[in-house]
Amino acid sequence: MTRTNILLLSVAAAAVLACVLYLAFGYVQLPEVSMGMHGWIALGLGIVLSVIVGGGLSAILIISRRRGYDEAAHNVYREFDPEQRD
């Protein structure tokens, strides 16, 4: 590993540690709050729907790339700037 990579990994690890400590300290400072059944249902539905939408958009991205739908836009840009490389 180069010195730059080690430095970047160290900075990223320090940032993650700082975020975890901040969240842990904030969680301790919160008053005790309970969430009702409707709140848990809404949270669960929100998580499930977010994962479905994210997965669907990712699938559309992969399918459009494999079928070549993106090539038409790329070719127009290549005609506009002929020195552009792939």
Protein backbone atom coordinates (compact mmCIF):
# COMPACT_ATOMS: atom_id res chain seq x y z
CA MET A 1 0.00 0.00 0.00
CA THR A 2 1.16 3.46 -0.75
CA ARG A 3 1.47 6.15 1.85
CA THR A 4 -1.51 8.02 0.36
CA ASN A 5 -3.77 4.96 0.63
CA ILE A 6 -2.80 4.42 4.25
CA LEU A 7 -3.49 8.07 5.02
CA LEU A 8 -6.88 7.97 3.28
CA LEU A 9 -7.87 4.76 5.11
CA SER A 10 -6.81 6.27 8.41
CA VAL A 11 -8.86 9.41 7.80
CA ALA A 12 -11.89 7.34 6.75
CA ALA A 13 -11.57 5.11 9.83
CA ALA A 14 -11.29 8.16 12.08
CA ALA A 15 -14.38 9.70 10.47
CA VAL A 16 -16.40 6.51 10.96
CA LEU A 17 -15.26 6.27 14.58
CA ALA A 18 -16.19 9.91 15.19
CA CYS A 19 -19.67 9.32 13.73
CA VAL A 20 -20.20 6.21 15.86
CA LEU A 21 -19.11 8.03 19.01
CA TYR A 22 -21.36 10.99 18.19
CA LEU A 23 -24.36 8.72 17.62
CA ALA A 24 -23.65 6.68 20.76
CA PHE A 25 -23.35 9.82 22.89
CA GLY A 26 -26.51 11.28 21.35
CA TYR A 27 -28.43 8.06 21.99
CA VAL A 28 -27.50 8.16 25.67
CA GLN A 29 -28.70 11.75 25.95
CA LEU A 30 -32.13 11.08 24.45
CA PRO A 31 -35.10 10.81 26.76
CA GLU A 32 -36.87 7.48 26.81
CA VAL A 33 -39.37 7.42 23.98
CA SER A 34 -41.53 4.51 22.95
CA MET A 35 -42.94 3.90 19.51
CA GLY A 36 -46.41 2.44 19.03
CA MET A 37 -47.40 -0.38 16.74
CA HIS A 38 -48.37 2.00 13.92
CA GLY A 39 -44.92 3.57 14.05
CA TRP A 40 -43.20 0.18 13.74
CA ILE A 41 -45.46 -0.77 10.84
CA ALA A 42 -44.71 2.51 9.06
CA LEU A 43 -40.98 2.06 9.66
CA GLY A 44 -41.04 -1.50 8.32
CA LEU A 45 -43.05 -0.52 5.25
CA GLY A 46 -40.72 2.39 4.58
CA ILE A 47 -37.67 0.14 4.73
CA VAL A 48 -39.21 -2.55 2.53
CA LEU A 49 -40.44 -0.06 -0.08
CA SER A 50 -37.07 1.74 -0.15
CA VAL A 51 -35.26 -1.54 -0.78
CA ILE A 52 -37.75 -2.47 -3.52
CA VAL A 53 -37.38 0.90 -5.26
CA GLY A 54 -33.58 0.81 -4.99
CA GLY A 55 -33.45 -2.75 -6.33
CA GLY A 56 -35.83 -1.91 -9.17
CA LEU A 57 -33.84 1.13 -10.23
CA SER A 58 -30.61 -0.87 -10.11
CA ALA A 59 -32.18 -3.61 -12.22
CA ILE A 60 -33.38 -1.07 -14.78
CA LEU A 61 -29.88 0.41 -14.94
CA ILE A 62 -28.28 -2.99 -15.54
CA ILE A 63 -30.90 -4.08 -18.09
CA SER A 64 -30.64 -0.85 -20.08
CA ARG A 65 -26.85 -1.11 -20.15
CA ARG A 66 -26.89 -4.74 -21.32
CA ARG A 67 -29.46 -4.11 -24.05
CA GLY A 68 -27.57 -1.10 -25.39
CA TYR A 69 -30.13 1.62 -24.67
CA ASP A 70 -27.35 3.86 -23.36
CA GLU A 71 -25.32 3.61 -26.55
CA ALA A 72 -27.55 6.00 -28.51
CA ALA A 73 -26.91 8.81 -26.06
CA HIS A 74 -23.21 7.96 -26.01
CA ASN A 75 -23.00 8.06 -29.79
CA VAL A 76 -24.65 11.49 -29.92
CA TYR A 77 -22.08 12.78 -27.47
CA ARG A 78 -19.27 11.17 -29.49
CA GLU A 79 -20.49 12.96 -32.64
CA PHE A 80 -20.52 16.21 -30.69
CA ASP A 81 -16.96 15.64 -29.38
CA PRO A 82 -15.09 13.24 -31.71
CA GLU A 83 -11.95 13.17 -29.55
CA GLN A 84 -13.86 11.63 -26.64
CA ARG A 85 -12.63 8.13 -25.75
CA ASP A 86 -14.74 5.30 -24.33
